[in-house]
Amino acid sequence: MEPITLTTERLLLRPFGPQDTAEVYAACQDPEIQRWTVIPSPYRLTDAELFTTKLCAAGWQDDSVYNFALALRETGALVGALGIDRRSRPGTYEVGYWSAKEHRGRGYVTEAVLGSARWAFASLGADRLEWRAETGNLASRAVALRAGFRLEGEQRSGLLNKGVRHDAWTAALLPSDLGLAGAHPYVPEPHPPRSGGASDSGR
């Protein structure tokens, strides 16, 4: 797929390029980003160059992962990164993201997640967008919940980060959660009524 740019209220979600190398390198010196994401640690300038000049373009070219630079529409400043990763199951994708320290707490990443989710459902034919994060990553979890993801549980040894496996929280967003139609019909499993309620009293 050819790289595209998405527009939200305050952001441009655009392809990464060589012009982003210095800002990506600076943002990824943050210990929190190195701790909770799978980027290399320590993070070197050559890692940023590889990401912005080769890996991002290759992901678009082979339709494996669609990486977006999150830039402010007014100033062009880089506030974060977001990737939509194709999973092995049909119609299933995974979203991942990080936010530059100085731009946190303003809802930028939540806005980007929602914009990219609508694009994935409408243009990629996604029926399910998944989120995973190492158990304890409260900031990432908060973004997912604000974007409407529904927590589905915890996977033991669900995430590999820098050679160590960790338990992971999992959640998912469906087209219907955003009032959109999916590529395929979805029939949720009905939940049986709980026993012991008022309707069962005296029987």
N, C-alpha and C. Protein backbone atom coordinates (compact mmCIF):
# COMPACT_ATOMS: atom_id res chain seq x y z
N MET A 1 0.84 -1.18 0.00
CA MET A 1 0.00 0.00 0.00
C MET A 1 0.89 1.25 0.00
N GLU A 2 0.44 2.26 -0.72
CA GLU A 2 1.13 3.54 -0.68
C GLU A 2 0.85 4.23 0.65
N PRO A 3 1.86 4.83 1.27
CA PRO A 3 1.63 5.54 2.53
C PRO A 3 0.61 6.65 2.37
N ILE A 4 -0.20 6.86 3.41
CA ILE A 4 -1.23 7.88 3.37
C ILE A 4 -1.10 8.77 4.61
N THR A 5 -1.84 9.87 4.60
CA THR A 5 -1.92 10.78 5.74
C THR A 5 -3.37 10.88 6.19
N LEU A 6 -3.59 10.74 7.49
CA LEU A 6 -4.91 10.88 8.08
C LEU A 6 -4.95 12.20 8.85
N THR A 7 -6.12 12.81 8.91
CA THR A 7 -6.29 14.07 9.61
C THR A 7 -7.32 13.92 10.72
N THR A 8 -6.96 14.37 11.92
CA THR A 8 -7.92 14.44 13.01
C THR A 8 -8.06 15.90 13.42
N GLU A 9 -8.76 16.14 14.49
CA GLU A 9 -9.04 17.53 14.88
C GLU A 9 -7.76 18.34 15.08
N ARG A 10 -6.76 17.74 15.72
CA ARG A 10 -5.54 18.48 16.04
C ARG A 10 -4.28 17.91 15.42
N LEU A 11 -4.39 16.76 14.78
CA LEU A 11 -3.20 16.02 14.36
C LEU A 11 -3.20 15.68 12.88
N LEU A 12 -2.00 15.51 12.36
CA LEU A 12 -1.77 14.80 11.11
C LEU A 12 -1.11 13.47 11.46
N LEU A 13 -1.69 12.39 10.99
CA LEU A 13 -1.08 11.07 11.10
C LEU A 13 -0.46 10.81 9.74
N ARG A 14 0.85 10.99 9.65
CA ARG A 14 1.51 10.96 8.36
C ARG A 14 2.65 9.95 8.38
N PRO A 15 3.15 9.56 7.22
CA PRO A 15 4.27 8.62 7.19
C PRO A 15 5.53 9.24 7.81
N PHE A 16 6.33 8.39 8.42
CA PHE A 16 7.63 8.83 8.90
C PHE A 16 8.58 9.01 7.73
N GLY A 17 9.56 9.89 7.92
CA GLY A 17 10.61 10.09 6.92
C GLY A 17 11.90 10.50 7.59
N PRO A 18 12.95 10.66 6.80
CA PRO A 18 14.27 11.03 7.37
C PRO A 18 14.23 12.30 8.20
N GLN A 19 13.31 13.22 7.88
CA GLN A 19 13.23 14.48 8.62
C GLN A 19 12.81 14.28 10.08
N ASP A 20 12.30 13.08 10.41
CA ASP A 20 11.83 12.80 11.76
C ASP A 20 12.89 12.14 12.65
N THR A 21 14.03 11.82 12.07
CA THR A 21 15.02 11.02 12.80
C THR A 21 15.43 11.66 14.11
N ALA A 22 15.77 12.94 14.09
CA ALA A 22 16.26 13.60 15.30
C ALA A 22 15.18 13.64 16.39
N GLU A 23 13.93 13.92 16.01
CA GLU A 23 12.86 14.00 17.00
C GLU A 23 12.52 12.62 17.56
N VAL A 24 12.54 11.60 16.72
CA VAL A 24 12.29 10.24 17.21
C VAL A 24 13.40 9.83 18.18
N TYR A 25 14.64 10.12 17.82
CA TYR A 25 15.76 9.79 18.69
C TYR A 25 15.62 10.49 20.04
N ALA A 26 15.30 11.78 20.02
CA ALA A 26 15.17 12.53 21.27
C ALA A 26 14.03 12.00 22.13
N ALA A 27 12.87 11.73 21.51
CA ALA A 27 11.72 11.23 22.27
C ALA A 27 12.00 9.89 22.91
N CYS A 28 12.72 9.03 22.18
CA CYS A 28 12.95 7.67 22.65
C CYS A 28 14.10 7.55 23.65
N GLN A 29 14.67 8.68 24.07
CA GLN A 29 15.59 8.65 25.19
C GLN A 29 14.83 8.57 26.52
N ASP A 30 13.53 8.80 26.47
CA ASP A 30 12.70 8.73 27.67
C ASP A 30 12.72 7.31 28.25
N PRO A 31 13.12 7.15 29.50
CA PRO A 31 13.16 5.81 30.10
C PRO A 31 11.81 5.09 30.08
N GLU A 32 10.71 5.85 30.15
CA GLU A 32 9.40 5.22 30.14
C GLU A 32 9.10 4.56 28.79
N ILE A 33 9.48 5.21 27.71
CA ILE A 33 9.27 4.61 26.39
C ILE A 33 10.15 3.38 26.24
N GLN A 34 11.39 3.46 26.67
CA GLN A 34 12.27 2.30 26.57
C GLN A 34 11.80 1.17 27.48
N ARG A 35 11.22 1.50 28.61
CA ARG A 35 10.76 0.47 29.55
C ARG A 35 9.55 -0.30 29.02
N TRP A 36 8.58 0.40 28.46
CA TRP A 36 7.30 -0.23 28.16
C TRP A 36 7.11 -0.63 26.71
N THR A 37 7.95 -0.17 25.80
CA THR A 37 7.81 -0.56 24.39
C THR A 37 8.96 -1.49 24.01
N VAL A 38 8.86 -2.03 22.80
CA VAL A 38 9.87 -3.01 22.37
C VAL A 38 11.02 -2.36 21.61
N ILE A 39 11.15 -1.03 21.68
CA ILE A 39 12.28 -0.39 21.02
C ILE A 39 13.58 -0.80 21.71
N PRO A 40 14.71 -0.72 21.01
CA PRO A 40 16.00 -1.07 21.64
C PRO A 40 16.31 -0.16 22.83
N SER A 41 17.04 -0.70 23.78
CA SER A 41 17.50 0.08 24.93
C SER A 41 18.92 -0.36 25.27
N PRO A 42 19.89 0.56 25.19
CA PRO A 42 19.75 1.99 24.88
C PRO A 42 19.32 2.22 23.43
N TYR A 43 18.70 3.36 23.21
CA TYR A 43 18.21 3.71 21.88
C TYR A 43 19.19 4.68 21.24
N ARG A 44 19.77 4.25 20.14
CA ARG A 44 20.82 5.03 19.48
C ARG A 44 20.27 5.79 18.27
N LEU A 45 21.04 6.75 17.80
CA LEU A 45 20.65 7.50 16.62
C LEU A 45 20.49 6.57 15.42
N THR A 46 21.33 5.55 15.32
CA THR A 46 21.21 4.61 14.21
C THR A 46 19.90 3.83 14.27
N ASP A 47 19.36 3.59 15.48
CA ASP A 47 18.06 2.94 15.60
C ASP A 47 16.96 3.83 15.05
N ALA A 48 17.03 5.12 15.37
CA ALA A 48 16.04 6.06 14.85
C ALA A 48 16.14 6.17 13.33
N GLU A 49 17.35 6.20 12.80
CA GLU A 49 17.54 6.28 11.35
C GLU A 49 16.96 5.04 10.66
N LEU A 50 17.20 3.88 11.22
CA LEU A 50 16.66 2.65 10.64
C LEU A 50 15.14 2.68 10.62
N PHE A 51 14.55 3.15 11.71
CA PHE A 51 13.10 3.20 11.82
C PHE A 51 12.49 4.17 10.82
N THR A 52 13.01 5.39 10.77
CA THR A 52 12.38 6.43 9.96
C THR A 52 12.67 6.30 8.47
N THR A 53 13.80 5.70 8.10
CA THR A 53 14.18 5.65 6.69
C THR A 53 13.93 4.31 6.03
N LYS A 54 13.85 3.22 6.81
CA LYS A 54 13.72 1.90 6.19
C LYS A 54 12.53 1.10 6.71
N LEU A 55 12.46 0.90 8.02
CA LEU A 55 11.44 0.00 8.56
C LEU A 55 10.02 0.50 8.29
N CYS A 56 9.79 1.78 8.47
CA CYS A 56 8.44 2.30 8.24
C CYS A 56 8.01 2.15 6.79
N ALA A 57 8.90 2.51 5.87
CA ALA A 57 8.58 2.38 4.44
C ALA A 57 8.36 0.93 4.06
N ALA A 58 9.15 0.02 4.61
CA ALA A 58 9.02 -1.41 4.29
C ALA A 58 7.68 -1.95 4.78
N GLY A 59 7.22 -1.50 5.95
CA GLY A 59 5.94 -1.96 6.47
C GLY A 59 4.78 -1.59 5.57
N TRP A 60 4.80 -0.35 5.04
CA TRP A 60 3.76 0.05 4.09
C TRP A 60 3.87 -0.75 2.80
N GLN A 61 5.08 -0.97 2.34
CA GLN A 61 5.28 -1.64 1.06
C GLN A 61 4.76 -3.07 1.08
N ASP A 62 5.01 -3.79 2.17
CA ASP A 62 4.58 -5.19 2.21
C ASP A 62 3.29 -5.40 3.00
N ASP A 63 2.63 -4.31 3.37
CA ASP A 63 1.34 -4.38 4.08
C ASP A 63 1.42 -5.20 5.35
N SER A 64 2.51 -5.01 6.10
CA SER A 64 2.65 -5.73 7.36
C SER A 64 2.37 -4.84 8.56
N VAL A 65 2.80 -3.58 8.49
CA VAL A 65 2.55 -2.63 9.57
C VAL A 65 2.53 -1.23 8.99
N TYR A 66 1.56 -0.44 9.45
CA TYR A 66 1.37 0.91 8.95
C TYR A 66 1.73 1.88 10.08
N ASN A 67 2.91 2.46 10.00
CA ASN A 67 3.39 3.37 11.04
C ASN A 67 3.06 4.81 10.68
N PHE A 68 2.59 5.55 11.67
CA PHE A 68 2.24 6.95 11.49
C PHE A 68 3.02 7.81 12.48
N ALA A 69 3.56 8.92 11.99
CA ALA A 69 4.07 9.97 12.87
C ALA A 69 2.88 10.83 13.28
N LEU A 70 2.76 11.12 14.57
CA LEU A 70 1.68 11.96 15.06
C LEU A 70 2.22 13.37 15.19
N ALA A 71 1.78 14.25 14.30
CA ALA A 71 2.30 15.62 14.25
C ALA A 71 1.17 16.62 14.47
N LEU A 72 1.45 17.66 15.21
CA LEU A 72 0.47 18.72 15.41
C LEU A 72 0.18 19.43 14.10
N ARG A 73 -1.08 19.64 13.82
CA ARG A 73 -1.44 20.32 12.57
C ARG A 73 -0.94 21.76 12.56
N GLU A 74 -0.94 22.43 13.72
CA GLU A 74 -0.58 23.84 13.76
C GLU A 74 0.92 24.07 13.60
N THR A 75 1.73 23.23 14.22
CA THR A 75 3.17 23.50 14.26
C THR A 75 4.02 22.43 13.57
N GLY A 76 3.44 21.24 13.34
CA GLY A 76 4.21 20.16 12.76
C GLY A 76 5.05 19.39 13.75
N ALA A 77 5.01 19.77 15.04
CA ALA A 77 5.82 19.10 16.06
C ALA A 77 5.40 17.64 16.19
N LEU A 78 6.38 16.78 16.35
CA LEU A 78 6.13 15.36 16.54
C LEU A 78 5.72 15.11 17.99
N VAL A 79 4.52 14.55 18.19
CA VAL A 79 4.04 14.30 19.55
C VAL A 79 4.02 12.82 19.90
N GLY A 80 4.22 11.96 18.90
CA GLY A 80 4.20 10.53 19.20
C GLY A 80 4.25 9.70 17.94
N ALA A 81 4.02 8.41 18.13
CA ALA A 81 4.03 7.46 17.03
C ALA A 81 2.94 6.44 17.25
N LEU A 82 2.41 5.91 16.16
CA LEU A 82 1.36 4.90 16.22
C LEU A 82 1.54 3.93 15.07
N GLY A 83 1.35 2.65 15.34
CA GLY A 83 1.44 1.65 14.30
C GLY A 83 0.23 0.73 14.32
N ILE A 84 -0.27 0.39 13.13
CA ILE A 84 -1.32 -0.61 12.96
C ILE A 84 -0.66 -1.83 12.34
N ASP A 85 -0.65 -2.92 13.07
CA ASP A 85 0.09 -4.12 12.71
C ASP A 85 -0.88 -5.22 12.27
N ARG A 86 -0.64 -5.79 11.10
CA ARG A 86 -1.50 -6.87 10.62
C ARG A 86 -1.19 -8.15 11.38
N ARG A 87 -2.20 -8.80 11.93
CA ARG A 87 -2.05 -10.05 12.64
C ARG A 87 -2.28 -11.22 11.69
N SER A 88 -2.02 -12.43 12.15
CA SER A 88 -2.16 -13.61 11.29
C SER A 88 -3.61 -13.99 11.07
N ARG A 89 -4.50 -13.59 11.96
CA ARG A 89 -5.92 -13.94 11.83
C ARG A 89 -6.60 -12.96 10.88
N PRO A 90 -7.44 -13.45 9.97
CA PRO A 90 -8.09 -12.57 8.99
C PRO A 90 -8.89 -11.45 9.66
N GLY A 91 -8.71 -10.24 9.13
CA GLY A 91 -9.48 -9.10 9.62
C GLY A 91 -9.05 -8.58 10.97
N THR A 92 -7.92 -9.07 11.50
CA THR A 92 -7.47 -8.69 12.84
C THR A 92 -6.17 -7.89 12.75
N TYR A 93 -6.13 -6.76 13.43
CA TYR A 93 -4.96 -5.90 13.48
C TYR A 93 -4.68 -5.54 14.93
N GLU A 94 -3.47 -5.04 15.17
CA GLU A 94 -3.10 -4.62 16.52
C GLU A 94 -2.54 -3.20 16.46
N VAL A 95 -2.91 -2.39 17.44
CA VAL A 95 -2.42 -1.02 17.50
C VAL A 95 -1.40 -0.89 18.63
N GLY A 96 -0.36 -0.11 18.36
CA GLY A 96 0.63 0.21 19.37
C GLY A 96 1.01 1.68 19.24
N TYR A 97 1.50 2.29 20.32
CA TYR A 97 1.76 3.72 20.27
C TYR A 97 2.69 4.14 21.39
N TRP A 98 3.31 5.30 21.20
CA TRP A 98 4.01 5.98 22.28
C TRP A 98 3.83 7.48 22.13
N SER A 99 4.02 8.19 23.23
CA SER A 99 3.85 9.64 23.24
C SER A 99 5.10 10.29 23.78
N ALA A 100 5.54 11.36 23.13
CA ALA A 100 6.68 12.12 23.62
C ALA A 100 6.33 12.74 24.97
N LYS A 101 7.28 12.70 25.88
CA LYS A 101 7.04 13.10 27.28
C LYS A 101 6.42 14.48 27.40
N GLU A 102 6.91 15.45 26.64
CA GLU A 102 6.46 16.83 26.80
C GLU A 102 5.06 17.07 26.24
N HIS A 103 4.50 16.06 25.56
CA HIS A 103 3.17 16.25 24.96
C HIS A 103 2.11 15.35 25.61
N ARG A 104 2.45 14.72 26.72
CA ARG A 104 1.49 13.82 27.37
C ARG A 104 0.42 14.59 28.13
N GLY A 105 -0.69 13.91 28.37
CA GLY A 105 -1.77 14.49 29.16
C GLY A 105 -2.70 15.41 28.40
N ARG A 106 -2.60 15.42 27.08
CA ARG A 106 -3.45 16.32 26.29
C ARG A 106 -4.40 15.55 25.35
N GLY A 107 -4.39 14.24 25.44
CA GLY A 107 -5.33 13.44 24.65
C GLY A 107 -4.93 13.21 23.21
N TYR A 108 -3.69 13.54 22.84
CA TYR A 108 -3.28 13.40 21.45
C TYR A 108 -3.30 11.93 20.99
N VAL A 109 -2.78 11.04 21.82
CA VAL A 109 -2.70 9.65 21.38
C VAL A 109 -4.08 9.01 21.31
N THR A 110 -4.95 9.33 22.25
CA THR A 110 -6.33 8.83 22.17
C THR A 110 -6.98 9.29 20.86
N GLU A 111 -6.79 10.54 20.53
CA GLU A 111 -7.32 11.09 19.28
C GLU A 111 -6.76 10.34 18.07
N ALA A 112 -5.47 10.04 18.11
CA ALA A 112 -4.83 9.32 17.01
C ALA A 112 -5.32 7.87 16.92
N VAL A 113 -5.50 7.23 18.07
CA VAL A 113 -5.99 5.85 18.08
C VAL A 113 -7.38 5.79 17.44
N LEU A 114 -8.25 6.70 17.80
CA LEU A 114 -9.59 6.70 17.24
C LEU A 114 -9.57 6.98 15.74
N GLY A 115 -8.74 7.94 15.31
CA GLY A 115 -8.65 8.23 13.88
C GLY A 115 -8.11 7.05 13.09
N SER A 116 -7.08 6.41 13.61
CA SER A 116 -6.50 5.27 12.90
C SER A 116 -7.42 4.06 12.93
N ALA A 117 -8.19 3.91 14.01
CA ALA A 117 -9.13 2.79 14.09
C ALA A 117 -10.22 2.92 13.03
N ARG A 118 -10.76 4.13 12.88
CA ARG A 118 -11.79 4.33 11.85
C ARG A 118 -11.23 4.03 10.46
N TRP A 119 -9.98 4.42 10.23
CA TRP A 119 -9.35 4.13 8.95
C TRP A 119 -9.17 2.62 8.76
N ALA A 120 -8.73 1.93 9.80
CA ALA A 120 -8.52 0.48 9.70
C ALA A 120 -9.82 -0.24 9.42
N PHE A 121 -10.89 0.18 10.07
CA PHE A 121 -12.18 -0.48 9.84
C PHE A 121 -12.72 -0.18 8.44
N ALA A 122 -12.54 1.07 7.98
CA ALA A 122 -13.12 1.47 6.69
C ALA A 122 -12.26 1.06 5.50
N SER A 123 -10.94 1.15 5.64
CA SER A 123 -10.05 0.97 4.48
C SER A 123 -9.30 -0.35 4.46
N LEU A 124 -9.03 -0.92 5.62
CA LEU A 124 -8.31 -2.19 5.67
C LEU A 124 -9.23 -3.39 5.79
N GLY A 125 -10.51 -3.13 6.02
CA GLY A 125 -11.45 -4.23 6.21
C GLY A 125 -11.27 -4.91 7.56
N ALA A 126 -10.74 -4.18 8.53
CA ALA A 126 -10.54 -4.76 9.86
C ALA A 126 -11.89 -5.00 10.53
N ASP A 127 -12.01 -6.13 11.18
CA ASP A 127 -13.19 -6.44 11.99
C ASP A 127 -12.87 -6.41 13.48
N ARG A 128 -11.57 -6.32 13.77
CA ARG A 128 -11.15 -6.36 15.18
C ARG A 128 -9.79 -5.70 15.29
N LEU A 129 -9.70 -4.70 16.19
CA LEU A 129 -8.44 -4.01 16.44
C LEU A 129 -8.04 -4.34 17.87
N GLU A 130 -6.89 -4.96 18.03
CA GLU A 130 -6.45 -5.42 19.34
C GLU A 130 -5.42 -4.47 19.94
N TRP A 131 -5.35 -4.46 21.25
CA TRP A 131 -4.34 -3.72 22.00
C TRP A 131 -3.75 -4.66 23.03
N ARG A 132 -2.45 -4.65 23.15
CA ARG A 132 -1.76 -5.42 24.19
C ARG A 132 -0.71 -4.53 24.83
N ALA A 133 -0.54 -4.71 26.11
CA ALA A 133 0.52 -3.99 26.81
C ALA A 133 0.95 -4.82 28.00
N GLU A 134 2.20 -4.67 28.37
CA GLU A 134 2.70 -5.38 29.54
C GLU A 134 1.87 -5.00 30.76
N THR A 135 1.48 -5.99 31.55
CA THR A 135 0.72 -5.73 32.76
C THR A 135 1.46 -4.71 33.63
N GLY A 136 0.75 -3.66 34.00
CA GLY A 136 1.34 -2.58 34.76
C GLY A 136 1.53 -1.30 33.98
N ASN A 137 1.38 -1.36 32.66
CA ASN A 137 1.53 -0.17 31.83
C ASN A 137 0.22 0.63 31.88
N LEU A 138 0.04 1.37 32.95
CA LEU A 138 -1.22 2.06 33.19
C LEU A 138 -1.49 3.17 32.20
N ALA A 139 -0.44 3.85 31.72
CA ALA A 139 -0.65 4.94 30.77
C ALA A 139 -1.21 4.43 29.46
N SER A 140 -0.64 3.34 28.93
CA SER A 140 -1.14 2.77 27.69
C SER A 140 -2.56 2.24 27.86
N ARG A 141 -2.80 1.62 28.99
CA ARG A 141 -4.14 1.11 29.27
C ARG A 141 -5.17 2.23 29.32
N ALA A 142 -4.81 3.36 29.93
CA ALA A 142 -5.74 4.48 30.02
C ALA A 142 -6.12 5.00 28.63
N VAL A 143 -5.14 5.08 27.73
CA VAL A 143 -5.42 5.52 26.36
C VAL A 143 -6.40 4.55 25.70
N ALA A 144 -6.13 3.25 25.81
CA ALA A 144 -7.00 2.26 25.18
C ALA A 144 -8.43 2.37 25.70
N LEU A 145 -8.58 2.51 27.01
CA LEU A 145 -9.93 2.61 27.58
C LEU A 145 -10.64 3.88 27.13
N ARG A 146 -9.91 5.00 27.07
CA ARG A 146 -10.53 6.25 26.61
C ARG A 146 -10.97 6.14 25.15
N ALA A 147 -10.25 5.34 24.37
CA ALA A 147 -10.61 5.16 22.96
C ALA A 147 -11.74 4.15 22.77
N GLY A 148 -12.19 3.53 23.84
CA GLY A 148 -13.33 2.63 23.75
C GLY A 148 -13.00 1.15 23.69
N PHE A 149 -11.73 0.80 23.85
CA PHE A 149 -11.37 -0.61 23.86
C PHE A 149 -11.99 -1.28 25.08
N ARG A 150 -12.37 -2.55 24.90
CA ARG A 150 -12.93 -3.33 26.00
C ARG A 150 -11.89 -4.34 26.46
N LEU A 151 -11.56 -4.28 27.74
CA LEU A 151 -10.59 -5.23 28.29
C LEU A 151 -11.13 -6.65 28.20
N GLU A 152 -10.25 -7.56 27.79
CA GLU A 152 -10.67 -8.95 27.61
C GLU A 152 -9.90 -9.93 28.49
N GLY A 153 -8.91 -9.43 29.23
CA GLY A 153 -8.23 -10.32 30.15
C GLY A 153 -6.73 -10.11 30.17
N GLU A 154 -6.05 -11.09 30.73
CA GLU A 154 -4.61 -11.06 30.86
C GLU A 154 -4.02 -12.34 30.29
N GLN A 155 -3.00 -12.19 29.47
CA GLN A 155 -2.32 -13.34 28.87
C GLN A 155 -1.03 -13.60 29.63
N ARG A 156 -0.88 -14.81 30.13
CA ARG A 156 0.39 -15.17 30.74
C ARG A 156 1.45 -15.28 29.65
N SER A 157 2.60 -14.68 29.90
CA SER A 157 3.70 -14.71 28.94
C SER A 157 3.27 -14.20 27.57
N GLY A 158 2.41 -13.16 27.58
CA GLY A 158 1.79 -12.71 26.35
C GLY A 158 2.59 -11.72 25.53
N LEU A 159 3.71 -11.23 26.08
CA LEU A 159 4.46 -10.20 25.38
C LEU A 159 5.96 -10.43 25.58
N LEU A 160 6.70 -10.39 24.47
CA LEU A 160 8.15 -10.53 24.50
C LEU A 160 8.78 -9.15 24.33
N ASN A 161 9.58 -8.73 25.30
CA ASN A 161 10.21 -7.41 25.26
C ASN A 161 11.67 -7.55 25.66
N LYS A 162 12.54 -7.30 24.70
CA LYS A 162 13.99 -7.31 24.94
C LYS A 162 14.46 -8.63 25.53
N GLY A 163 13.94 -9.71 24.98
CA GLY A 163 14.39 -11.04 25.36
C GLY A 163 13.75 -11.62 26.60
N VAL A 164 12.79 -10.91 27.19
CA VAL A 164 12.12 -11.38 28.40
C VAL A 164 10.61 -11.41 28.14
N ARG A 165 9.96 -12.50 28.53
CA ARG A 165 8.52 -12.60 28.36
C ARG A 165 7.82 -12.05 29.59
N HIS A 166 6.71 -11.33 29.34
CA HIS A 166 5.93 -10.71 30.42
C HIS A 166 4.45 -11.05 30.24
N ASP A 167 3.71 -10.99 31.34
CA ASP A 167 2.26 -11.08 31.24
C ASP A 167 1.74 -9.80 30.56
N ALA A 168 0.61 -9.91 29.88
CA ALA A 168 0.10 -8.77 29.12
C ALA A 168 -1.40 -8.61 29.31
N TRP A 169 -1.83 -7.35 29.39
CA TRP A 169 -3.24 -7.03 29.32
C TRP A 169 -3.66 -7.07 27.85
N THR A 170 -4.89 -7.46 27.60
CA THR A 170 -5.41 -7.47 26.23
C THR A 170 -6.78 -6.79 26.19
N ALA A 171 -7.05 -6.13 25.07
CA ALA A 171 -8.33 -5.48 24.87
C ALA A 171 -8.59 -5.42 23.37
N ALA A 172 -9.82 -5.12 23.01
CA ALA A 172 -10.17 -5.05 21.59
C ALA A 172 -11.22 -3.98 21.35
N LEU A 173 -11.17 -3.43 20.15
CA LEU A 173 -12.15 -2.47 19.66
C LEU A 173 -12.76 -3.04 18.39
N LEU A 174 -14.08 -2.99 18.30
CA LEU A 174 -14.80 -3.51 17.13
C LEU A 174 -15.43 -2.35 16.36
N PRO A 175 -15.72 -2.53 15.08
CA PRO A 175 -16.38 -1.46 14.33
C PRO A 175 -17.67 -0.99 15.00
N SER A 176 -18.44 -1.92 15.52
CA SER A 176 -19.71 -1.56 16.15
C SER A 176 -19.52 -0.67 17.36
N ASP A 177 -18.35 -0.74 18.02
CA ASP A 177 -18.08 0.13 19.16
C ASP A 177 -18.03 1.60 18.75
N LEU A 178 -17.75 1.84 17.48
CA LEU A 178 -17.69 3.21 16.95
C LEU A 178 -18.88 3.52 16.05
N GLY A 179 -19.88 2.65 16.08
CA GLY A 179 -21.06 2.86 15.26
C GLY A 179 -20.84 2.58 13.79
N LEU A 180 -19.84 1.75 13.47
CA LEU A 180 -19.51 1.43 12.09
C LEU A 180 -19.89 -0.01 11.77
N ALA A 181 -20.08 -0.27 10.49
CA ALA A 181 -20.36 -1.64 10.04
C ALA A 181 -19.04 -2.36 9.81
N GLY A 182 -18.98 -3.62 10.19
CA GLY A 182 -17.80 -4.42 9.96
C GLY A 182 -17.80 -5.05 8.58
N ALA A 183 -16.67 -5.61 8.19
CA ALA A 183 -16.58 -6.29 6.91
C ALA A 183 -17.40 -7.56 6.89
N HIS A 184 -17.61 -8.16 8.06
CA HIS A 184 -18.39 -9.39 8.18
C HIS A 184 -19.40 -9.22 9.31
N PRO A 185 -20.53 -9.92 9.23
CA PRO A 185 -21.50 -9.86 10.33
C PRO A 185 -20.89 -10.39 11.62
N TYR A 186 -21.28 -9.81 12.73
CA TYR A 186 -20.80 -10.26 14.03
C TYR A 186 -22.01 -10.62 14.88
N VAL A 187 -22.03 -11.84 15.37
CA VAL A 187 -23.11 -12.31 16.24
C VAL A 187 -22.51 -12.62 17.60
N PRO A 188 -22.63 -11.70 18.55
CA PRO A 188 -22.03 -11.95 19.87
C PRO A 188 -22.74 -13.08 20.59
N GLU A 189 -21.98 -13.79 21.41
CA GLU A 189 -22.54 -14.87 22.20
C GLU A 189 -23.42 -14.28 23.29
N PRO A 190 -24.69 -14.73 23.39
CA PRO A 190 -25.55 -14.19 24.45
C PRO A 190 -25.07 -14.66 25.81
N HIS A 191 -25.16 -13.75 26.78
CA HIS A 191 -24.76 -14.10 28.14
C HIS A 191 -25.97 -14.60 28.91
N PRO A 192 -25.90 -15.78 29.49
CA PRO A 192 -27.04 -16.30 30.26
C PRO A 192 -27.28 -15.46 31.50
N PRO A 193 -28.53 -15.37 31.94
CA PRO A 193 -28.81 -14.59 33.16
C PRO A 193 -28.11 -15.22 34.36
N ARG A 194 -27.66 -14.35 35.27
CA ARG A 194 -27.00 -14.83 36.47
C ARG A 194 -28.01 -15.47 37.41
N SER A 195 -27.64 -16.58 38.00
CA SER A 195 -28.53 -17.25 38.96
C SER A 195 -28.47 -16.53 40.30
N GLY A 196 -29.51 -16.72 41.09
CA GLY A 196 -29.51 -16.14 42.42
C GLY A 196 -30.04 -14.73 42.47
N GLY A 197 -30.57 -14.21 41.34
CA GLY A 197 -31.11 -12.86 41.34
C GLY A 197 -32.50 -12.80 41.90
N ALA A 198 -33.10 -11.62 41.83
CA ALA A 198 -34.43 -11.42 42.40
C ALA A 198 -35.45 -12.31 41.74
N SER A 199 -35.28 -12.58 40.42
CA SER A 199 -36.28 -13.37 39.71
C SER A 199 -36.29 -14.81 40.17
N ASP A 200 -35.22 -15.25 40.86
CA ASP A 200 -35.14 -16.63 41.30
C ASP A 200 -35.59 -16.81 42.75
N SER A 201 -35.88 -15.71 43.42
CA SER A 201 -36.19 -15.81 44.84
C SER A 201 -37.52 -16.53 45.04
N GLY A 202 -37.56 -17.40 46.07
CA GLY A 202 -38.79 -18.10 46.41
C GLY A 202 -39.08 -19.28 45.54
N ARG A 203 -38.08 -19.69 44.64
CA ARG A 203 -38.33 -20.82 43.76
C ARG A 203 -37.41 -21.97 44.11
